[in-house]
Amino acid sequence: SCTAGLHLSLLACGVGRGDEVITTPMTF
């Protein structure tokens, strides 16, 4: 799924506790 892809991409980029991720509220 795309959800799994989003999760894996965050992990691959080292995003974790204490980080902030900019996104739009116009999304799933």
PDB file of all heavy atoms in Angstrom:
ATOM      1  N   SER A   1       0.836  -1.205   0.000  1.00  0.00           N
ATOM      2  CA  SER A   1       0.000   0.000   0.000  1.00  0.00           C
ATOM      3  C   SER A   1       0.867   1.250   0.000  1.00  0.00           C
ATOM      4  O   SER A   1       2.057   1.201   0.327  1.00  0.00           O
ATOM      5  CB  SER A   1      -0.901   0.020   1.245  1.00  0.00           C
ATOM      6  OG  SER A   1      -0.101   0.177   2.415  1.00  0.00           O
ATOM      7  N   CYS A   2       0.228   2.342  -0.325  1.00  0.00           N
ATOM      8  CA  CYS A   2       0.922   3.630  -0.238  1.00  0.00           C
ATOM      9  C   CYS A   2       1.238   3.962   1.216  1.00  0.00           C
ATOM     10  O   CYS A   2       2.265   4.567   1.505  1.00  0.00           O
ATOM     11  CB  CYS A   2       0.066   4.723  -0.872  1.00  0.00           C
ATOM     12  SG  CYS A   2       0.901   6.325  -0.922  1.00  0.00           S
ATOM     13  N   THR A   3       0.367   3.563   2.129  1.00  0.00           N
ATOM     14  CA  THR A   3       0.621   3.791   3.549  1.00  0.00           C
ATOM     15  C   THR A   3       1.935   3.135   3.958  1.00  0.00           C
ATOM     16  O   THR A   3       2.769   3.748   4.637  1.00  0.00           O
ATOM     17  CB  THR A   3      -0.541   3.246   4.410  1.00  0.00           C
ATOM     18  OG1 THR A   3      -1.758   3.876   4.002  1.00  0.00           O
ATOM     19  CG2 THR A   3      -0.304   3.499   5.886  1.00  0.00           C
ATOM     20  N   ALA A   4       2.137   1.902   3.533  1.00  0.00           N
ATOM     21  CA  ALA A   4       3.396   1.211   3.833  1.00  0.00           C
ATOM     22  C   ALA A   4       4.569   1.942   3.187  1.00  0.00           C
ATOM     23  O   ALA A   4       5.651   2.049   3.777  1.00  0.00           O
ATOM     24  CB  ALA A   4       3.345  -0.232   3.349  1.00  0.00           C
ATOM     25  N   GLY A   5       4.372   2.460   1.979  1.00  0.00           N
ATOM     26  CA  GLY A   5       5.423   3.215   1.299  1.00  0.00           C
ATOM     27  C   GLY A   5       5.771   4.498   2.024  1.00  0.00           C
ATOM     28  O   GLY A   5       6.951   4.848   2.156  1.00  0.00           O
ATOM     29  N   LEU A   6       4.764   5.215   2.506  1.00  0.00           N
ATOM     30  CA  LEU A   6       5.008   6.435   3.280  1.00  0.00           C
ATOM     31  C   LEU A   6       5.775   6.113   4.558  1.00  0.00           C
ATOM     32  O   LEU A   6       6.735   6.805   4.917  1.00  0.00           O
ATOM     33  CB  LEU A   6       3.688   7.128   3.629  1.00  0.00           C
ATOM     34  CG  LEU A   6       2.923   7.778   2.487  1.00  0.00           C
ATOM     35  CD1 LEU A   6       1.515   8.155   2.936  1.00  0.00           C
ATOM     36  CD2 LEU A   6       3.664   8.992   1.973  1.00  0.00           C
ATOM     37  N   HIS A   7       5.365   5.054   5.244  1.00  0.00           N
ATOM     38  CA  HIS A   7       6.024   4.651   6.482  1.00  0.00           C
ATOM     39  C   HIS A   7       7.481   4.292   6.218  1.00  0.00           C
ATOM     40  O   HIS A   7       8.396   4.757   6.913  1.00  0.00           O
ATOM     41  CB  HIS A   7       5.261   3.479   7.106  1.00  0.00           C
ATOM     42  CG  HIS A   7       5.815   3.032   8.403  1.00  0.00           C
ATOM     43  ND1 HIS A   7       6.022   1.707   8.703  1.00  0.00           N
ATOM     44  CD2 HIS A   7       6.225   3.718   9.500  1.00  0.00           C
ATOM     45  CE1 HIS A   7       6.529   1.605   9.923  1.00  0.00           C
ATOM     46  NE2 HIS A   7       6.660   2.807  10.421  1.00  0.00           N
ATOM     47  N   LEU A   8       7.713   3.466   5.211  1.00  0.00           N
ATOM     48  CA  LEU A   8       9.070   3.047   4.880  1.00  0.00           C
ATOM     49  C   LEU A   8       9.946   4.234   4.468  1.00  0.00           C
ATOM     50  O   LEU A   8      11.113   4.312   4.846  1.00  0.00           O
ATOM     51  CB  LEU A   8       9.037   2.005   3.759  1.00  0.00           C
ATOM     52  CG  LEU A   8      10.355   1.358   3.396  1.00  0.00           C
ATOM     53  CD1 LEU A   8      10.988   0.656   4.592  1.00  0.00           C
ATOM     54  CD2 LEU A   8      10.155   0.375   2.249  1.00  0.00           C
ATOM     55  N   SER A   9       9.374   5.176   3.723  1.00  0.00           N
ATOM     56  CA  SER A   9      10.163   6.339   3.301  1.00  0.00           C
ATOM     57  C   SER A   9      10.568   7.206   4.488  1.00  0.00           C
ATOM     58  O   SER A   9      11.685   7.737   4.530  1.00  0.00           O
ATOM     59  CB  SER A   9       9.412   7.164   2.253  1.00  0.00           C
ATOM     60  OG  SER A   9       8.253   7.753   2.803  1.00  0.00           O
ATOM     61  N   LEU A  10       9.688   7.347   5.472  1.00  0.00           N
ATOM     62  CA  LEU A  10      10.052   8.105   6.672  1.00  0.00           C
ATOM     63  C   LEU A  10      11.174   7.404   7.432  1.00  0.00           C
ATOM     64  O   LEU A  10      12.132   8.042   7.876  1.00  0.00           O
ATOM     65  CB  LEU A  10       8.837   8.301   7.581  1.00  0.00           C
ATOM     66  CG  LEU A  10       7.759   9.254   7.063  1.00  0.00           C
ATOM     67  CD1 LEU A  10       6.522   9.186   7.947  1.00  0.00           C
ATOM     68  CD2 LEU A  10       8.274  10.680   6.970  1.00  0.00           C
ATOM     69  N   LEU A  11      11.063   6.090   7.569  1.00  0.00           N
ATOM     70  CA  LEU A  11      12.112   5.332   8.254  1.00  0.00           C
ATOM     71  C   LEU A  11      13.435   5.432   7.491  1.00  0.00           C
ATOM     72  O   LEU A  11      14.499   5.619   8.092  1.00  0.00           O
ATOM     73  CB  LEU A  11      11.702   3.868   8.407  1.00  0.00           C
ATOM     74  CG  LEU A  11      10.521   3.586   9.332  1.00  0.00           C
ATOM     75  CD1 LEU A  11      10.151   2.116   9.278  1.00  0.00           C
ATOM     76  CD2 LEU A  11      10.818   4.034  10.755  1.00  0.00           C
ATOM     77  N   ALA A  12      13.366   5.320   6.174  1.00  0.00           N
ATOM     78  CA  ALA A  12      14.582   5.389   5.354  1.00  0.00           C
ATOM     79  C   ALA A  12      15.262   6.746   5.455  1.00  0.00           C
ATOM     80  O   ALA A  12      16.490   6.845   5.357  1.00  0.00           O
ATOM     81  CB  ALA A  12      14.248   5.083   3.892  1.00  0.00           C
ATOM     82  N   CYS A  13      14.478   7.780   5.683  1.00  0.00           N
ATOM     83  CA  CYS A  13      15.033   9.139   5.818  1.00  0.00           C
ATOM     84  C   CYS A  13      15.455   9.449   7.255  1.00  0.00           C
ATOM     85  O   CYS A  13      15.931  10.547   7.537  1.00  0.00           O
ATOM     86  CB  CYS A  13      14.010  10.168   5.349  1.00  0.00           C
ATOM     87  SG  CYS A  13      13.761  10.161   3.569  1.00  0.00           S
ATOM     88  N   GLY A  14      15.232   8.509   8.156  1.00  0.00           N
ATOM     89  CA  GLY A  14      15.647   8.710   9.542  1.00  0.00           C
ATOM     90  C   GLY A  14      14.707   9.579  10.351  1.00  0.00           C
ATOM     91  O   GLY A  14      15.085  10.106  11.400  1.00  0.00           O
ATOM     92  N   VAL A  15      13.483   9.743   9.889  1.00  0.00           N
ATOM     93  CA  VAL A  15      12.507  10.556  10.617  1.00  0.00           C
ATOM     94  C   VAL A  15      12.023   9.772  11.820  1.00  0.00           C
ATOM     95  O   VAL A  15      11.692   8.589  11.707  1.00  0.00           O
ATOM     96  CB  VAL A  15      11.321  10.946   9.705  1.00  0.00           C
ATOM     97  CG1 VAL A  15      10.258  11.701  10.489  1.00  0.00           C
ATOM     98  CG2 VAL A  15      11.809  11.777   8.529  1.00  0.00           C
ATOM     99  N   GLY A  16      11.995  10.445  12.976  1.00  0.00           N
ATOM    100  CA  GLY A  16      11.578   9.759  14.197  1.00  0.00           C
ATOM    101  C   GLY A  16      11.169  10.723  15.282  1.00  0.00           C
ATOM    102  O   GLY A  16      10.845  11.887  15.028  1.00  0.00           O
ATOM    103  N   ARG A  17      11.226  10.229  16.500  1.00  0.00           N
ATOM    104  CA  ARG A  17      10.784  10.989  17.670  1.00  0.00           C
ATOM    105  C   ARG A  17      11.432  12.364  17.724  1.00  0.00           C
ATOM    106  O   ARG A  17      12.635  12.491  17.550  1.00  0.00           O
ATOM    107  CB  ARG A  17      11.118  10.210  18.941  1.00  0.00           C
ATOM    108  CG  ARG A  17      10.482  10.772  20.176  1.00  0.00           C
ATOM    109  CD  ARG A  17      10.265   9.756  21.274  1.00  0.00           C
ATOM    110  NE  ARG A  17       9.712   8.476  20.882  1.00  0.00           N
ATOM    111  CZ  ARG A  17       8.418   8.250  20.599  1.00  0.00           C
ATOM    112  NH1 ARG A  17       7.566   9.230  20.655  1.00  0.00           N
ATOM    113  NH2 ARG A  17       8.000   7.044  20.264  1.00  0.00           N
ATOM    114  N   GLY A  18      10.578  13.369  17.912  1.00  0.00           N
ATOM    115  CA  GLY A  18      11.049  14.744  18.035  1.00  0.00           C
ATOM    116  C   GLY A  18      11.137  15.494  16.713  1.00  0.00           C
ATOM    117  O   GLY A  18      11.298  16.701  16.701  1.00  0.00           O
ATOM    118  N   ASP A  19      11.028  14.783  15.591  1.00  0.00           N
ATOM    119  CA  ASP A  19      11.067  15.453  14.290  1.00  0.00           C
ATOM    120  C   ASP A  19       9.697  16.026  13.950  1.00  0.00           C
ATOM    121  O   ASP A  19       8.677  15.591  14.475  1.00  0.00           O
ATOM    122  CB  ASP A  19      11.474  14.476  13.187  1.00  0.00           C
ATOM    123  CG  ASP A  19      12.917  14.035  13.308  1.00  0.00           C
ATOM    124  OD1 ASP A  19      13.757  14.842  13.768  1.00  0.00           O
ATOM    125  OD2 ASP A  19      13.217  12.881  12.955  1.00  0.00           O
ATOM    126  N   GLU A  20       9.702  17.003  13.063  1.00  0.00           N
ATOM    127  CA  GLU A  20       8.475  17.562  12.512  1.00  0.00           C
ATOM    128  C   GLU A  20       8.478  17.328  11.010  1.00  0.00           C
ATOM    129  O   GLU A  20       9.505  17.466  10.357  1.00  0.00           O
ATOM    130  CB  GLU A  20       8.370  19.060  12.796  1.00  0.00           C
ATOM    131  CG  GLU A  20       8.236  19.393  14.261  1.00  0.00           C
ATOM    132  CD  GLU A  20       8.074  20.878  14.525  1.00  0.00           C
ATOM    133  OE1 GLU A  20       8.398  21.687  13.637  1.00  0.00           O
ATOM    134  OE2 GLU A  20       7.613  21.223  15.621  1.00  0.00           O
ATOM    135  N   VAL A  21       7.319  16.948  10.479  1.00  0.00           N
ATOM    136  CA  VAL A  21       7.174  16.684   9.051  1.00  0.00           C
ATOM    137  C   VAL A  21       6.068  17.580   8.508  1.00  0.00           C
ATOM    138  O   VAL A  21       4.934  17.542   8.986  1.00  0.00           O
ATOM    139  CB  VAL A  21       6.835  15.208   8.780  1.00  0.00           C
ATOM    140  CG1 VAL A  21       6.649  14.965   7.289  1.00  0.00           C
ATOM    141  CG2 VAL A  21       7.916  14.303   9.351  1.00  0.00           C
ATOM    142  N   ILE A  22       6.423  18.399   7.529  1.00  0.00           N
ATOM    143  CA  ILE A  22       5.454  19.304   6.918  1.00  0.00           C
ATOM    144  C   ILE A  22       4.614  18.524   5.918  1.00  0.00           C
ATOM    145  O   ILE A  22       5.134  17.795   5.080  1.00  0.00           O
ATOM    146  CB  ILE A  22       6.175  20.469   6.219  1.00  0.00           C
ATOM    147  CG1 ILE A  22       6.934  21.305   7.244  1.00  0.00           C
ATOM    148  CG2 ILE A  22       5.183  21.335   5.445  1.00  0.00           C
ATOM    149  CD1 ILE A  22       7.917  22.278   6.659  1.00  0.00           C
ATOM    150  N   THR A  23       3.301  18.691   6.014  1.00  0.00           N
ATOM    151  CA  THR A  23       2.373  18.067   5.084  1.00  0.00           C
ATOM    152  C   THR A  23       1.145  18.962   4.952  1.00  0.00           C
ATOM    153  O   THR A  23       1.053  20.002   5.593  1.00  0.00           O
ATOM    154  CB  THR A  23       1.996  16.640   5.534  1.00  0.00           C
ATOM    155  OG1 THR A  23       1.272  16.007   4.477  1.00  0.00           O
ATOM    156  CG2 THR A  23       1.183  16.644   6.812  1.00  0.00           C
ATOM    157  N   THR A  24       0.245  18.551   4.111  1.00  0.00           N
ATOM    158  CA  THR A  24      -0.985  19.303   3.908  1.00  0.00           C
ATOM    159  C   THR A  24      -2.153  18.578   4.570  1.00  0.00           C
ATOM    160  O   THR A  24      -2.163  17.346   4.610  1.00  0.00           O
ATOM    161  CB  THR A  24      -1.260  19.476   2.406  1.00  0.00           C
ATOM    162  OG1 THR A  24      -2.573  19.999   2.229  1.00  0.00           O
ATOM    163  CG2 THR A  24      -1.155  18.177   1.660  1.00  0.00           C
ATOM    164  N   PRO A  25      -3.144  19.318   5.054  1.00  0.00           N
ATOM    165  CA  PRO A  25      -4.335  18.654   5.580  1.00  0.00           C
ATOM    166  C   PRO A  25      -5.236  18.124   4.459  1.00  0.00           C
ATOM    167  O   PRO A  25      -6.149  17.360   4.715  1.00  0.00           O
ATOM    168  CB  PRO A  25      -5.034  19.755   6.390  1.00  0.00           C
ATOM    169  CG  PRO A  25      -4.572  21.027   5.781  1.00  0.00           C
ATOM    170  CD  PRO A  25      -3.182  20.765   5.276  1.00  0.00           C
ATOM    171  N   MET A  26      -4.932  18.477   3.222  1.00  0.00           N
ATOM    172  CA  MET A  26      -5.720  18.026   2.064  1.00  0.00           C
ATOM    173  C   MET A  26      -5.150  16.698   1.562  1.00  0.00           C
ATOM    174  O   MET A  26      -4.620  16.610   0.456  1.00  0.00           O
ATOM    175  CB  MET A  26      -5.682  19.076   0.950  1.00  0.00           C
ATOM    176  CG  MET A  26      -6.254  20.409   1.327  1.00  0.00           C
ATOM    177  SD  MET A  26      -8.039  20.381   1.451  1.00  0.00           S
ATOM    178  CE  MET A  26      -8.491  20.126  -0.242  1.00  0.00           C
ATOM    179  N   THR A  27      -5.231  15.673   2.384  1.00  0.00           N
ATOM    180  CA  THR A  27      -4.652  14.381   2.056  1.00  0.00           C
ATOM    181  C   THR A  27      -5.412  13.292   2.791  1.00  0.00           C
ATOM    182  O   THR A  27      -6.281  13.572   3.619  1.00  0.00           O
ATOM    183  CB  THR A  27      -3.153  14.348   2.423  1.00  0.00           C
ATOM    184  OG1 THR A  27      -2.588  13.122   1.965  1.00  0.00           O
ATOM    185  CG2 THR A  27      -2.927  14.505   3.905  1.00  0.00           C
ATOM    186  N   PHE A  28      -5.063  12.059   2.508  1.00  0.00           N
ATOM    187  CA  PHE A  28      -5.649  10.922   3.199  1.00  0.00           C
ATOM    188  C   PHE A  28      -5.093  10.866   4.624  1.00  0.00           C
ATOM    189  O   PHE A  28      -3.959  11.273   4.873  1.00  0.00           O
ATOM    190  CB  PHE A  28      -5.311   9.642   2.422  1.00  0.00           C
ATOM    191  CG  PHE A  28      -6.028   8.422   2.890  1.00  0.00           C
ATOM    192  CD1 PHE A  28      -7.403   8.312   2.744  1.00  0.00           C
ATOM    193  CD2 PHE A  28      -5.338   7.386   3.478  1.00  0.00           C
ATOM    194  CE1 PHE A  28      -8.080   7.179   3.175  1.00  0.00           C
ATOM    195  CE2 PHE A  28      -5.998   6.239   3.911  1.00  0.00           C
ATOM    196  CZ  PHE A  28      -7.369   6.147   3.755  1.00  0.00           C
TER     197      PHE A  28
END
